[in-house]
Amino acid sequence: MTPAQQLQDYAAAYERLQVDNIDALGQLMADDIEFIDPFNHLHGRAATLAVFEHMFRTVDSARFEVFDCAHGSQAGYLRWRMTGTTRGKGSVLDLQGMSEVHFNDEGLVLRHIDHWDSLSQLLAKLPVVGWITRRIIAALAVKE
């Protein structure tokens, strides 16, 4: 299987991801995968899949849509959008980001690094933390 096909298969698994098929995504990961996002830096398949299990426990109708895939000389890149509604508060989530995906020699994901702006896309929208976050963003913004 080519690196481009490996990336396409991983992207398709993300788009199909539901609470009852998390293991299908896990089958594409190496046992010793390294997973990094703005809130986590984890090692191992079980720890990585726990991130998605947590997501489904805290977000209703969580869904990923992959807009674009590209493969460079050392990694693949997925541009995505994640939507859903937080449980309890009912806050609408609409996050956009990019995942950097590295494969091992067996074609399994060895590193998955998510790049997305958690400050403006998530934290600024929370009730208490959001007030502080919005002030920090405003203070750092260029004034015309």
Protein backbone atom coordinates (compact mmCIF):
# COMPACT_ATOMS: atom_id res chain seq x y z
CA MET A 1 0.00 0.00 0.00
CA THR A 2 1.34 3.44 -0.90
CA PRO A 3 1.76 6.21 1.70
CA ALA A 4 -1.00 8.17 -0.05
CA GLN A 5 -3.40 5.22 0.28
CA GLN A 6 -2.46 4.75 3.95
CA LEU A 7 -3.33 8.40 4.54
CA GLN A 8 -6.63 8.09 2.64
CA ASP A 9 -7.58 5.04 4.72
CA TYR A 10 -6.79 6.91 7.94
CA ALA A 11 -8.82 9.93 6.78
CA ALA A 12 -11.77 7.68 5.91
CA ALA A 13 -11.62 6.05 9.36
CA TYR A 14 -11.79 9.53 10.93
CA GLU A 15 -14.82 10.47 8.90
CA ARG A 16 -16.59 7.23 9.89
CA LEU A 17 -15.58 7.50 13.56
CA GLN A 18 -18.44 6.79 15.97
CA VAL A 19 -18.59 5.66 19.59
CA ASP A 20 -19.17 2.05 18.50
CA ASN A 21 -16.31 1.81 15.97
CA ILE A 22 -13.35 3.44 17.73
CA ASP A 23 -11.45 0.14 17.42
CA ALA A 24 -11.50 0.47 13.61
CA LEU A 25 -9.40 3.62 13.95
CA GLY A 26 -7.17 1.85 16.46
CA GLN A 27 -6.42 -0.93 13.97
CA LEU A 28 -4.64 1.67 11.84
CA MET A 29 -2.36 2.72 14.74
CA ALA A 30 0.92 1.25 15.90
CA ASP A 31 0.97 -0.12 19.46
CA ASP A 32 3.47 2.58 20.41
CA ILE A 33 1.74 5.53 18.69
CA GLU A 34 2.55 9.00 19.98
CA PHE A 35 -0.51 11.29 20.05
CA ILE A 36 -0.21 15.04 20.57
CA ASP A 37 -2.95 17.67 20.58
CA PRO A 38 -3.31 21.00 22.44
CA PHE A 39 -4.35 19.18 25.64
CA ASN A 40 -2.62 15.78 25.48
CA HIS A 41 0.76 14.20 24.84
CA LEU A 42 0.23 10.45 25.07
CA HIS A 43 1.96 7.23 24.11
CA GLY A 44 0.30 3.99 23.15
CA ARG A 45 -2.81 2.90 21.28
CA ALA A 46 -4.98 2.47 24.40
CA ALA A 47 -4.14 5.96 25.68
CA THR A 48 -4.80 7.47 22.24
CA LEU A 49 -8.14 5.73 21.85
CA ALA A 50 -9.07 6.96 25.34
CA VAL A 51 -8.97 10.51 23.92
CA PHE A 52 -11.72 9.59 21.46
CA GLU A 53 -13.71 7.68 24.07
CA HIS A 54 -13.59 10.81 26.26
CA MET A 55 -14.69 12.94 23.31
CA PHE A 56 -17.76 10.77 22.76
CA ARG A 57 -18.61 10.89 26.50
CA THR A 58 -18.48 14.70 26.54
CA VAL A 59 -19.65 15.69 23.04
CA ASP A 60 -22.96 14.76 21.42
CA SER A 61 -23.02 14.16 17.67
CA ALA A 62 -19.22 14.44 17.40
CA ARG A 63 -18.20 14.20 13.77
CA PHE A 64 -15.02 14.70 11.75
CA GLU A 65 -14.97 15.85 8.16
CA VAL A 66 -11.67 15.70 6.28
CA PHE A 67 -11.40 18.45 3.68
CA ASP A 68 -8.00 17.75 2.26
CA CYS A 69 -5.15 15.25 2.37
CA ALA A 70 -1.56 15.78 1.33
CA HIS A 71 1.49 13.58 1.60
CA GLY A 72 4.98 14.98 1.91
CA SER A 73 8.32 13.21 2.02
CA GLN A 74 8.09 12.45 5.76
CA ALA A 75 4.45 12.75 6.78
CA GLY A 76 0.86 13.02 5.65
CA TYR A 77 -1.42 15.92 6.47
CA LEU A 78 -5.17 15.97 6.99
CA ARG A 79 -7.13 19.21 7.08
CA TRP A 80 -10.31 18.62 9.07
CA ARG A 81 -13.35 20.03 10.81
CA MET A 82 -14.81 18.57 14.02
CA THR A 83 -18.36 19.45 15.00
CA GLY A 84 -20.63 18.51 17.87
CA THR A 85 -22.40 19.84 20.96
CA THR A 86 -21.00 19.68 24.47
CA ARG A 87 -23.02 17.56 26.87
CA GLY A 88 -24.73 19.45 29.63
CA LYS A 89 -23.92 22.99 28.46
CA GLY A 90 -25.07 22.46 24.88
CA SER A 91 -22.29 24.61 23.46
CA VAL A 92 -21.85 24.14 19.72
CA LEU A 93 -18.36 23.04 18.70
CA ASP A 94 -16.99 23.86 15.29
CA LEU A 95 -13.24 23.28 15.30
CA GLN A 96 -10.91 23.31 12.32
CA GLY A 97 -7.37 22.04 12.26
CA MET A 98 -4.74 19.89 10.68
CA SER A 99 -3.26 16.55 11.68
CA GLU A 100 0.32 15.60 10.93
CA VAL A 101 0.45 11.82 10.51
CA HIS A 102 3.61 9.68 10.42
CA PHE A 103 3.53 6.01 9.43
CA ASN A 104 5.89 3.20 10.40
CA ASP A 105 7.32 0.61 7.99
CA GLU A 106 4.21 -1.57 8.47
CA GLY A 107 1.94 1.28 7.33
CA LEU A 108 0.54 1.95 10.81
CA VAL A 109 0.30 5.43 12.33
CA LEU A 110 3.33 5.98 14.55
CA ARG A 111 2.76 9.69 15.34
CA HIS A 112 -0.39 11.77 15.16
CA ILE A 113 0.04 15.47 15.92
CA ASP A 114 -3.02 17.72 15.88
CA HIS A 115 -2.53 21.40 15.13
CA TRP A 116 -5.53 23.61 15.93
CA ASP A 117 -6.18 26.87 17.71
CA SER A 118 -7.68 25.81 21.03
CA LEU A 119 -7.53 29.38 22.36
CA SER A 120 -9.86 31.10 19.89
CA GLN A 121 -11.85 28.07 18.74
CA LEU A 122 -12.62 26.59 22.15
CA LEU A 123 -11.40 28.38 25.27
CA ALA A 124 -12.67 31.82 24.20
CA LYS A 125 -16.18 30.38 23.91
CA LEU A 126 -16.35 28.93 27.43
CA PRO A 127 -18.33 30.88 30.05
CA VAL A 128 -15.75 31.90 32.69
CA VAL A 129 -12.44 31.14 31.01
CA GLY A 130 -13.79 32.67 27.80
CA TRP A 131 -14.11 36.14 29.32
CA ILE A 132 -10.43 36.10 30.31
CA THR A 133 -9.35 34.49 27.05
CA ARG A 134 -11.18 37.05 24.90
CA ARG A 135 -9.44 39.87 26.81
CA ILE A 136 -6.04 38.29 26.25
CA ILE A 137 -6.75 37.85 22.55
CA ALA A 138 -7.93 41.48 22.29
CA ALA A 139 -4.82 42.73 24.12
CA LEU A 140 -2.52 40.86 21.73
CA ALA A 141 -4.35 41.81 18.55
CA VAL A 142 -2.96 44.44 16.20
CA LYS A 143 -4.83 47.71 16.56
CA GLU A 144 -5.41 49.62 13.32
